[in-house]
Amino acid sequence: MSIHKQQLGKEGEEIATAHLIKEGYKILARNYRSGRAELDIIATKDNLLIVVEVKTRETDKYGNPEESVGTGKINMLAHGIEDYMLDNDLDQNVRYDIISIIKNQYKTDVHHLVDAFWPGLY
């Protein structure tokens, strides 16, 4: 991955974190790693444990950023949050969100898809 894409991804995660905090979410972890899984943001709100996948692009020329979250990524997120819950002795309902960001020199658009997918249904 190019340095530019890595930087854009980091900026997107900062934007997403600020958005979540503004909306009343409590951030529990960022970039949690377990095996091959990396969870961008783990948050809580309304007694739910929320896994947030952040997708940032400069343009929607090839589709919206959230469209790049496929079955393999969904399964990895599900395994990753199971590990997080075991590591932290948690027993909560889990919700999966996507924050889709288009960021370039002209605009920054943030779209929060709440309850974006349910692992195991694909």
C-alpha atoms as a PDB file:
ATOM      1  CA  MET A   1       0.000   0.000   0.000  1.00  0.00           C
ATOM      2  CA  SER A   2       1.354   3.425  -0.909  1.00  0.00           C
ATOM      3  CA  ILE A   3       2.275   5.967   1.738  1.00  0.00           C
ATOM      4  CA  HIS A   4      -0.399   8.277   0.317  1.00  0.00           C
ATOM      5  CA  LYS A   5      -3.133   5.648   0.797  1.00  0.00           C
ATOM      6  CA  GLN A   6      -1.900   4.901   4.320  1.00  0.00           C
ATOM      7  CA  GLN A   7      -2.037   8.602   5.189  1.00  0.00           C
ATOM      8  CA  LEU A   8      -5.523   8.943   3.688  1.00  0.00           C
ATOM      9  CA  GLY A   9      -6.649   5.945   5.744  1.00  0.00           C
ATOM     10  CA  LYS A  10      -5.232   7.443   8.953  1.00  0.00           C
ATOM     11  CA  GLU A  11      -6.960  10.757   8.219  1.00  0.00           C
ATOM     12  CA  GLY A  12     -10.211   8.901   7.607  1.00  0.00           C
ATOM     13  CA  GLU A  13      -9.953   7.106  10.943  1.00  0.00           C
ATOM     14  CA  GLU A  14      -9.353  10.441  12.717  1.00  0.00           C
ATOM     15  CA  ILE A  15     -12.418  11.941  11.002  1.00  0.00           C
ATOM     16  CA  ALA A  16     -14.510   8.867  11.879  1.00  0.00           C
ATOM     17  CA  THR A  17     -13.392   8.937  15.516  1.00  0.00           C
ATOM     18  CA  ALA A  18     -14.279  12.635  15.833  1.00  0.00           C
ATOM     19  CA  HIS A  19     -17.673  11.947  14.232  1.00  0.00           C
ATOM     20  CA  LEU A  20     -18.432   9.119  16.661  1.00  0.00           C
ATOM     21  CA  ILE A  21     -17.427  11.137  19.721  1.00  0.00           C
ATOM     22  CA  LYS A  22     -19.590  14.035  18.530  1.00  0.00           C
ATOM     23  CA  GLU A  23     -22.523  11.592  18.215  1.00  0.00           C
ATOM     24  CA  GLY A  24     -22.069  10.366  21.799  1.00  0.00           C
ATOM     25  CA  TYR A  25     -20.112   7.146  21.238  1.00  0.00           C
ATOM     26  CA  LYS A  26     -17.404   6.106  23.682  1.00  0.00           C
ATOM     27  CA  ILE A  27     -14.272   4.885  21.905  1.00  0.00           C
ATOM     28  CA  LEU A  28     -12.879   1.720  23.513  1.00  0.00           C
ATOM     29  CA  ALA A  29     -10.112   0.830  21.050  1.00  0.00           C
ATOM     30  CA  ARG A  30      -8.600   1.811  17.741  1.00  0.00           C
ATOM     31  CA  ASN A  31      -6.735  -0.478  15.358  1.00  0.00           C
ATOM     32  CA  TYR A  32      -7.289  -3.547  17.536  1.00  0.00           C
ATOM     33  CA  ARG A  33      -5.420  -6.519  16.082  1.00  0.00           C
ATOM     34  CA  SER A  34      -6.151 -10.176  16.547  1.00  0.00           C
ATOM     35  CA  GLY A  35      -4.562 -12.642  14.180  1.00  0.00           C
ATOM     36  CA  ARG A  36      -5.199 -11.350  10.662  1.00  0.00           C
ATOM     37  CA  ALA A  37      -8.109  -9.152  11.759  1.00  0.00           C
ATOM     38  CA  GLU A  38      -7.772  -5.449  12.402  1.00  0.00           C
ATOM     39  CA  LEU A  39     -10.761  -3.580  13.779  1.00  0.00           C
ATOM     40  CA  ASP A  40     -10.519   0.119  12.943  1.00  0.00           C
ATOM     41  CA  ILE A  41     -12.675   1.363  15.822  1.00  0.00           C
ATOM     42  CA  ILE A  42     -14.433  -0.382  18.697  1.00  0.00           C
ATOM     43  CA  ALA A  43     -16.967   1.819  20.437  1.00  0.00           C
ATOM     44  CA  THR A  44     -19.936   1.578  22.745  1.00  0.00           C
ATOM     45  CA  LYS A  45     -23.275   3.360  22.867  1.00  0.00           C
ATOM     46  CA  ASP A  46     -26.674   2.408  24.270  1.00  0.00           C
ATOM     47  CA  ASN A  47     -25.179  -0.731  25.866  1.00  0.00           C
ATOM     48  CA  LEU A  48     -24.061  -2.061  22.459  1.00  0.00           C
ATOM     49  CA  LEU A  49     -20.522  -2.969  21.454  1.00  0.00           C
ATOM     50  CA  ILE A  50     -19.994  -1.406  18.037  1.00  0.00           C
ATOM     51  CA  VAL A  51     -17.394  -2.414  15.480  1.00  0.00           C
ATOM     52  CA  VAL A  52     -16.772   0.411  13.017  1.00  0.00           C
ATOM     53  CA  GLU A  53     -15.052  -0.272   9.707  1.00  0.00           C
ATOM     54  CA  VAL A  54     -13.730   2.950   8.173  1.00  0.00           C
ATOM     55  CA  LYS A  55     -13.363   3.224   4.401  1.00  0.00           C
ATOM     56  CA  THR A  56     -11.813   6.361   2.959  1.00  0.00           C
ATOM     57  CA  ARG A  57     -11.373   7.251  -0.697  1.00  0.00           C
ATOM     58  CA  GLU A  58     -10.588  10.405  -2.647  1.00  0.00           C
ATOM     59  CA  THR A  59     -13.411   9.829  -5.119  1.00  0.00           C
ATOM     60  CA  ASP A  60     -16.433   7.644  -5.741  1.00  0.00           C
ATOM     61  CA  LYS A  61     -15.369   7.097  -9.358  1.00  0.00           C
ATOM     62  CA  TYR A  62     -15.178   3.335  -8.781  1.00  0.00           C
ATOM     63  CA  GLY A  63     -18.113   3.121  -6.369  1.00  0.00           C
ATOM     64  CA  ASN A  64     -18.803   4.223  -2.829  1.00  0.00           C
ATOM     65  CA  PRO A  65     -16.132   3.318  -0.271  1.00  0.00           C
ATOM     66  CA  GLU A  66     -18.487   1.080   1.742  1.00  0.00           C
ATOM     67  CA  GLU A  67     -18.964  -1.171  -1.292  1.00  0.00           C
ATOM     68  CA  SER A  68     -15.438  -2.499  -0.763  1.00  0.00           C
ATOM     69  CA  VAL A  69     -16.419  -4.295   2.462  1.00  0.00           C
ATOM     70  CA  GLY A  70     -16.826  -7.867   1.279  1.00  0.00           C
ATOM     71  CA  THR A  71     -17.617 -11.196   2.870  1.00  0.00           C
ATOM     72  CA  GLY A  72     -13.983 -11.940   3.772  1.00  0.00           C
ATOM     73  CA  LYS A  73     -13.607  -8.638   5.626  1.00  0.00           C
ATOM     74  CA  ILE A  74     -16.950  -9.130   7.379  1.00  0.00           C
ATOM     75  CA  ASN A  75     -15.882 -12.571   8.613  1.00  0.00           C
ATOM     76  CA  MET A  76     -12.532 -11.215   9.840  1.00  0.00           C
ATOM     77  CA  LEU A  77     -14.304  -8.422  11.751  1.00  0.00           C
ATOM     78  CA  ALA A  78     -16.602 -10.972  13.407  1.00  0.00           C
ATOM     79  CA  HIS A  79     -13.646 -13.113  14.509  1.00  0.00           C
ATOM     80  CA  GLY A  80     -11.748 -10.041  15.689  1.00  0.00           C
ATOM     81  CA  ILE A  81     -14.566  -8.777  17.907  1.00  0.00           C
ATOM     82  CA  GLU A  82     -15.020 -12.248  19.404  1.00  0.00           C
ATOM     83  CA  ASP A  83     -11.356 -12.151  20.435  1.00  0.00           C
ATOM     84  CA  TYR A  84     -11.730  -8.620  21.812  1.00  0.00           C
ATOM     85  CA  MET A  85     -14.729  -9.685  23.884  1.00  0.00           C
ATOM     86  CA  LEU A  86     -12.856 -12.690  25.254  1.00  0.00           C
ATOM     87  CA  ASP A  87      -9.759 -10.596  26.026  1.00  0.00           C
ATOM     88  CA  ASN A  88     -11.873  -8.032  27.892  1.00  0.00           C
ATOM     89  CA  ASP A  89     -14.411 -10.400  29.486  1.00  0.00           C
ATOM     90  CA  LEU A  90     -17.357  -8.709  27.753  1.00  0.00           C
ATOM     91  CA  ASP A  91     -20.817 -10.104  27.108  1.00  0.00           C
ATOM     92  CA  GLN A  92     -22.696  -7.546  25.024  1.00  0.00           C
ATOM     93  CA  ASN A  93     -24.687  -7.422  21.838  1.00  0.00           C
ATOM     94  CA  VAL A  94     -22.558  -6.368  18.880  1.00  0.00           C
ATOM     95  CA  ARG A  95     -23.445  -4.050  16.019  1.00  0.00           C
ATOM     96  CA  TYR A  96     -21.394  -3.530  12.873  1.00  0.00           C
ATOM     97  CA  ASP A  97     -21.218  -0.056  11.318  1.00  0.00           C
ATOM     98  CA  ILE A  98     -19.337   1.386   8.372  1.00  0.00           C
ATOM     99  CA  ILE A  99     -18.163   4.960   8.137  1.00  0.00           C
ATOM    100  CA  SER A 100     -17.630   5.832   4.494  1.00  0.00           C
ATOM    101  CA  ILE A 101     -15.554   8.920   3.760  1.00  0.00           C
ATOM    102  CA  ILE A 102     -14.822  10.736   0.518  1.00  0.00           C
ATOM    103  CA  LYS A 103     -11.988  13.177   1.217  1.00  0.00           C
ATOM    104  CA  ASN A 104     -10.165  15.281  -1.314  1.00  0.00           C
ATOM    105  CA  GLN A 105      -9.057  18.885  -1.749  1.00  0.00           C
ATOM    106  CA  TYR A 106     -12.625  19.981  -2.488  1.00  0.00           C
ATOM    107  CA  LYS A 107     -14.711  18.206   0.114  1.00  0.00           C
ATOM    108  CA  THR A 108     -14.931  15.774   2.996  1.00  0.00           C
ATOM    109  CA  ASP A 109     -18.150  13.738   3.006  1.00  0.00           C
ATOM    110  CA  VAL A 110     -18.837  11.424   5.945  1.00  0.00           C
ATOM    111  CA  HIS A 111     -21.583   8.812   5.699  1.00  0.00           C
ATOM    112  CA  HIS A 112     -22.282   6.637   8.773  1.00  0.00           C
ATOM    113  CA  LEU A 113     -24.045   3.382   7.940  1.00  0.00           C
ATOM    114  CA  VAL A 114     -25.513   2.109  11.204  1.00  0.00           C
ATOM    115  CA  ASP A 115     -26.036  -1.669  11.448  1.00  0.00           C
ATOM    116  CA  ALA A 116     -24.428  -2.019   8.016  1.00  0.00           C
ATOM    117  CA  PHE A 117     -24.166  -5.827   7.977  1.00  0.00           C
ATOM    118  CA  TRP A 118     -24.707  -8.974  10.012  1.00  0.00           C
ATOM    119  CA  PRO A 119     -21.886 -11.539   9.873  1.00  0.00           C
ATOM    120  CA  GLY A 120     -23.004 -15.053   9.156  1.00  0.00           C
ATOM    121  CA  LEU A 121     -25.759 -14.006   6.785  1.00  0.00           C
ATOM    122  CA  TYR A 122     -23.506 -13.955   3.715  1.00  0.00           C
END
